[in-house]
Amino acid sequence: MTDIGVYCRKEVLEHKQTDGKGSEDMECYWEFAQLPNVEKGDLFWFASEGRWQGFFVVKEVSDVVTFDSESWVSFDGGPRKPLQGFTYKVPRNELRSVG
């Protein structure tokens, strides 16, 4: 399993969490300049305001990474400095120790 993470503004994360709510299509996507090595079922972590906030479950990977807004799981994964692009260094190990 290869999980990824991105850093974004709070407003962007809130939009992804609510995108499509109330409609049949809850699908959201994230475009990358270079597509990460990620597959269906991997976790797509989001950090904002200096902390990891939680993750979505990857639904599909084509030229973008697709996920459902309903798959959001809040999780305080600790501090995270802003970054450009994406990272494979995500709080996965911390999550496994909780579950």
C-alpha atoms as a PDB file:
ATOM      1  CA  MET A   1       0.000   0.000   0.000  1.00  0.00           C
ATOM      2  CA  THR A   2       1.406   3.375  -1.047  1.00  0.00           C
ATOM      3  CA  ASP A   3      -0.271   6.332   0.617  1.00  0.00           C
ATOM      4  CA  ILE A   4       0.321   9.951  -0.364  1.00  0.00           C
ATOM      5  CA  GLY A   5      -0.212  13.332   1.210  1.00  0.00           C
ATOM      6  CA  VAL A   6      -0.682  16.925   0.114  1.00  0.00           C
ATOM      7  CA  TYR A   7      -0.783  20.260   1.913  1.00  0.00           C
ATOM      8  CA  CYS A   8      -3.508  22.767   1.076  1.00  0.00           C
ATOM      9  CA  ARG A   9      -5.386  25.770   2.390  1.00  0.00           C
ATOM     10  CA  LYS A  10      -8.198  25.114   4.854  1.00  0.00           C
ATOM     11  CA  GLU A  11     -10.809  26.318   2.330  1.00  0.00           C
ATOM     12  CA  VAL A  12      -9.612  23.825  -0.279  1.00  0.00           C
ATOM     13  CA  LEU A  13      -9.848  20.925   2.171  1.00  0.00           C
ATOM     14  CA  GLU A  14     -13.316  22.008   3.303  1.00  0.00           C
ATOM     15  CA  HIS A  15     -14.424  22.120  -0.329  1.00  0.00           C
ATOM     16  CA  LYS A  16     -13.151  18.569  -0.942  1.00  0.00           C
ATOM     17  CA  GLN A  17     -14.901  17.330   2.216  1.00  0.00           C
ATOM     18  CA  THR A  18     -18.253  18.702   1.062  1.00  0.00           C
ATOM     19  CA  ASP A  19     -17.937  18.454  -2.737  1.00  0.00           C
ATOM     20  CA  GLY A  20     -20.933  16.612  -4.111  1.00  0.00           C
ATOM     21  CA  LYS A  21     -22.710  16.187  -0.768  1.00  0.00           C
ATOM     22  CA  GLY A  22     -26.422  16.022  -1.346  1.00  0.00           C
ATOM     23  CA  SER A  23     -26.060  14.662  -4.865  1.00  0.00           C
ATOM     24  CA  GLU A  24     -25.587  11.149  -6.212  1.00  0.00           C
ATOM     25  CA  ASP A  25     -22.006  11.864  -7.313  1.00  0.00           C
ATOM     26  CA  MET A  26     -19.647  12.404  -4.391  1.00  0.00           C
ATOM     27  CA  GLU A  27     -16.573  12.096  -6.598  1.00  0.00           C
ATOM     28  CA  CYS A  28     -13.686  14.542  -6.190  1.00  0.00           C
ATOM     29  CA  TYR A  29     -10.313  14.642  -7.849  1.00  0.00           C
ATOM     30  CA  TRP A  30      -6.827  16.066  -7.417  1.00  0.00           C
ATOM     31  CA  GLU A  31      -4.533  16.902 -10.305  1.00  0.00           C
ATOM     32  CA  PHE A  32      -0.767  16.539 -10.059  1.00  0.00           C
ATOM     33  CA  ALA A  33       2.030  17.866 -12.272  1.00  0.00           C
ATOM     34  CA  GLN A  34       3.585  14.412 -11.908  1.00  0.00           C
ATOM     35  CA  LEU A  35       1.200  11.570 -11.028  1.00  0.00           C
ATOM     36  CA  PRO A  36       2.254   9.768  -7.817  1.00  0.00           C
ATOM     37  CA  ASN A  37       2.593   5.995  -7.540  1.00  0.00           C
ATOM     38  CA  VAL A  38      -0.782   5.387  -5.899  1.00  0.00           C
ATOM     39  CA  GLU A  39      -3.544   2.831  -6.458  1.00  0.00           C
ATOM     40  CA  LYS A  40      -7.208   2.281  -5.693  1.00  0.00           C
ATOM     41  CA  GLY A  41      -7.676   1.737  -1.952  1.00  0.00           C
ATOM     42  CA  ASP A  42      -4.602   3.722  -0.897  1.00  0.00           C
ATOM     43  CA  LEU A  43      -5.028   6.623   1.505  1.00  0.00           C
ATOM     44  CA  PHE A  44      -4.833  10.209   0.253  1.00  0.00           C
ATOM     45  CA  TRP A  45      -3.800  12.347   3.238  1.00  0.00           C
ATOM     46  CA  PHE A  46      -4.498  16.065   3.536  1.00  0.00           C
ATOM     47  CA  ALA A  47      -2.617  18.518   5.733  1.00  0.00           C
ATOM     48  CA  SER A  48      -3.739  22.061   6.441  1.00  0.00           C
ATOM     49  CA  GLU A  49      -3.028  24.741   9.032  1.00  0.00           C
ATOM     50  CA  GLY A  50       0.229  23.047  10.062  1.00  0.00           C
ATOM     51  CA  ARG A  51      -1.244  19.589  10.827  1.00  0.00           C
ATOM     52  CA  TRP A  52      -2.303  16.399   9.117  1.00  0.00           C
ATOM     53  CA  GLN A  53      -6.119  16.589   9.162  1.00  0.00           C
ATOM     54  CA  GLY A  54      -7.166  13.178   7.821  1.00  0.00           C
ATOM     55  CA  PHE A  55      -7.556  11.233   4.608  1.00  0.00           C
ATOM     56  CA  PHE A  56      -9.776  10.075   1.765  1.00  0.00           C
ATOM     57  CA  VAL A  57      -9.655   6.607   0.207  1.00  0.00           C
ATOM     58  CA  VAL A  58      -8.408   6.611  -3.382  1.00  0.00           C
ATOM     59  CA  LYS A  59     -11.168   5.462  -5.727  1.00  0.00           C
ATOM     60  CA  GLU A  60      -9.400   5.562  -9.086  1.00  0.00           C
ATOM     61  CA  VAL A  61      -6.175   6.732 -10.688  1.00  0.00           C
ATOM     62  CA  SER A  62      -6.002   7.876 -14.306  1.00  0.00           C
ATOM     63  CA  ASP A  63      -4.547  11.254 -15.229  1.00  0.00           C
ATOM     64  CA  VAL A  64      -5.897  12.462 -11.828  1.00  0.00           C
ATOM     65  CA  VAL A  65      -6.420  10.876  -8.406  1.00  0.00           C
ATOM     66  CA  THR A  66     -10.134  10.388  -7.749  1.00  0.00           C
ATOM     67  CA  PHE A  67     -11.829   9.902  -4.366  1.00  0.00           C
ATOM     68  CA  ASP A  68     -15.298  10.168  -2.818  1.00  0.00           C
ATOM     69  CA  SER A  69     -15.929  13.006  -0.385  1.00  0.00           C
ATOM     70  CA  GLU A  70     -17.866  10.505   1.780  1.00  0.00           C
ATOM     71  CA  SER A  71     -14.693   8.468   2.396  1.00  0.00           C
ATOM     72  CA  TRP A  72     -13.182  11.271   4.534  1.00  0.00           C
ATOM     73  CA  VAL A  73     -11.750  10.158   7.887  1.00  0.00           C
ATOM     74  CA  SER A  74     -10.623  12.842  10.342  1.00  0.00           C
ATOM     75  CA  PHE A  75      -7.375  11.960  12.054  1.00  0.00           C
ATOM     76  CA  ASP A  76      -4.905  14.168  13.885  1.00  0.00           C
ATOM     77  CA  GLY A  77      -1.697  12.891  12.362  1.00  0.00           C
ATOM     78  CA  GLY A  78       0.518  15.464  14.015  1.00  0.00           C
ATOM     79  CA  PRO A  79       2.377  18.480  12.675  1.00  0.00           C
ATOM     80  CA  ARG A  80       3.149  18.954   8.987  1.00  0.00           C
ATOM     81  CA  LYS A  81       5.044  21.815   7.373  1.00  0.00           C
ATOM     82  CA  PRO A  82       3.714  23.139   4.066  1.00  0.00           C
ATOM     83  CA  LEU A  83       5.025  21.339   0.976  1.00  0.00           C
ATOM     84  CA  GLN A  84       4.904  21.596  -2.798  1.00  0.00           C
ATOM     85  CA  GLY A  85       3.477  18.685  -4.772  1.00  0.00           C
ATOM     86  CA  PHE A  86       2.998  15.537  -2.695  1.00  0.00           C
ATOM     87  CA  THR A  87       4.803  13.327  -0.203  1.00  0.00           C
ATOM     88  CA  TYR A  88       4.895   9.636   0.614  1.00  0.00           C
ATOM     89  CA  LYS A  89       5.787  10.504   4.239  1.00  0.00           C
ATOM     90  CA  VAL A  90       2.345  10.319   5.821  1.00  0.00           C
ATOM     91  CA  PRO A  91       1.099   9.279   9.311  1.00  0.00           C
ATOM     92  CA  ARG A  92       0.246   5.729   8.177  1.00  0.00           C
ATOM     93  CA  ASN A  93       2.219   4.028  10.952  1.00  0.00           C
ATOM     94  CA  GLU A  94       0.484   6.112  13.624  1.00  0.00           C
ATOM     95  CA  LEU A  95      -2.901   5.136  12.188  1.00  0.00           C
ATOM     96  CA  ARG A  96      -2.035   1.431  12.251  1.00  0.00           C
ATOM     97  CA  SER A  97      -1.053   1.630  15.928  1.00  0.00           C
ATOM     98  CA  VAL A  98      -4.472   3.194  16.726  1.00  0.00           C
ATOM     99  CA  GLY A  99      -6.462   0.558  14.826  1.00  0.00           C
END
